[in-house]
């Protein structure tokens, strides 16, 4: 089994907006995609919108056991 990964991330507006994504793919047919956007509001507030898309051919190996469990998340943080 061979797996490939790719991570992309960049910043806009002095890094107050940071989109990123991670993709993993295995030659045995499973993988996942993790996109996110981080937003910094002022000196204290942080918002992170992200998701997870998972696929796989097998119900018993790799990430295929999670293929019906895609998700979206929103994190709100206050830093001091």
Protein backbone atom coordinates (compact mmCIF):
# COMPACT_ATOMS: atom_id res chain seq x y z
CA UNK A 1 0.00 0.00 0.00
CA UNK A 2 1.25 3.48 -0.88
CA UNK A 3 -0.31 6.72 0.35
CA UNK A 4 0.13 10.25 -0.97
CA UNK A 5 -0.56 13.48 0.92
CA UNK A 6 -0.79 17.11 -0.11
CA UNK A 7 -1.11 20.12 2.20
CA UNK A 8 -1.83 23.60 0.86
CA UNK A 9 -2.07 26.73 3.01
CA UNK A 10 -1.81 30.45 2.36
CA UNK A 11 -2.70 33.71 4.08
CA UNK A 12 -4.60 36.78 2.99
CA UNK A 13 -5.02 40.24 4.54
CA UNK A 14 -1.93 39.98 6.76
CA UNK A 15 -2.82 36.39 7.65
CA UNK A 16 -6.20 37.31 9.14
CA UNK A 17 -7.76 34.86 6.63
CA UNK A 18 -5.95 31.55 6.18
CA UNK A 19 -7.47 28.86 3.92
CA UNK A 20 -5.90 25.42 3.99
CA UNK A 21 -6.55 21.92 2.77
CA UNK A 22 -5.10 18.49 3.31
CA UNK A 23 -5.70 15.59 0.92
CA UNK A 24 -4.60 12.02 1.48
CA UNK A 25 -5.02 9.23 -1.07
CA UNK A 26 -4.03 5.60 -0.87
CA UNK A 27 -3.45 3.36 -3.84
CA UNK A 28 -5.74 0.81 -2.18
CA UNK A 29 -8.70 3.16 -2.74
CA UNK A 30 -9.24 5.15 0.44
CA UNK A 31 -8.54 8.76 1.33
CA UNK A 32 -9.77 11.96 2.89
CA UNK A 33 -10.01 15.71 2.25
CA UNK A 34 -9.81 18.24 5.11
CA UNK A 35 -10.54 21.83 4.04
CA UNK A 36 -10.58 24.74 6.52
CA UNK A 37 -10.63 28.51 6.72
CA UNK A 38 -9.26 30.37 9.75
CA UNK A 39 -10.35 33.94 10.41
CA UNK A 40 -8.71 36.21 12.98
CA UNK A 41 -10.91 39.07 14.19
CA UNK A 42 -8.95 41.64 16.16
CA UNK A 43 -6.43 40.51 18.76
CA UNK A 44 -8.62 37.99 20.59
CA UNK A 45 -11.26 36.26 18.45
CA UNK A 46 -10.52 33.28 16.18
CA UNK A 47 -13.02 31.45 13.97
CA UNK A 48 -12.21 28.19 12.20
CA UNK A 49 -14.63 26.65 9.70
CA UNK A 50 -13.58 23.19 8.60
CA UNK A 51 -14.76 19.93 7.21
CA UNK A 52 -13.85 16.33 6.55
CA UNK A 53 -14.76 14.25 3.53
CA UNK A 54 -13.78 10.59 3.78
CA UNK A 55 -13.97 7.81 1.19
CA UNK A 56 -12.92 4.22 0.88
CA UNK A 57 -13.81 1.04 -0.92
CA UNK A 58 -13.66 -1.29 2.09
CA UNK A 59 -15.80 -1.28 5.24
CA UNK A 60 -12.97 -2.87 7.22
CA UNK A 61 -9.72 -1.10 6.27
CA UNK A 62 -8.32 2.38 5.82
CA UNK A 63 -10.74 5.27 6.15
CA UNK A 64 -13.51 3.30 4.41
CA UNK A 65 -15.05 2.48 7.80
CA UNK A 66 -15.77 6.23 8.21
CA UNK A 67 -17.00 6.94 4.65
CA UNK A 68 -20.57 7.71 5.73
CA UNK A 69 -19.39 10.15 8.42
CA UNK A 70 -18.40 13.35 6.63
CA UNK A 71 -18.53 16.43 8.86
CA UNK A 72 -18.49 20.21 9.04
CA UNK A 73 -17.26 22.06 12.12
CA UNK A 74 -17.09 25.62 13.42
CA UNK A 75 -14.69 26.53 16.23
CA UNK A 76 -14.90 29.86 18.01
CA UNK A 77 -12.04 30.84 20.32
CA UNK A 78 -11.29 33.82 22.49
CA UNK A 79 -7.59 34.20 23.26
CA UNK A 80 -6.23 36.42 26.00
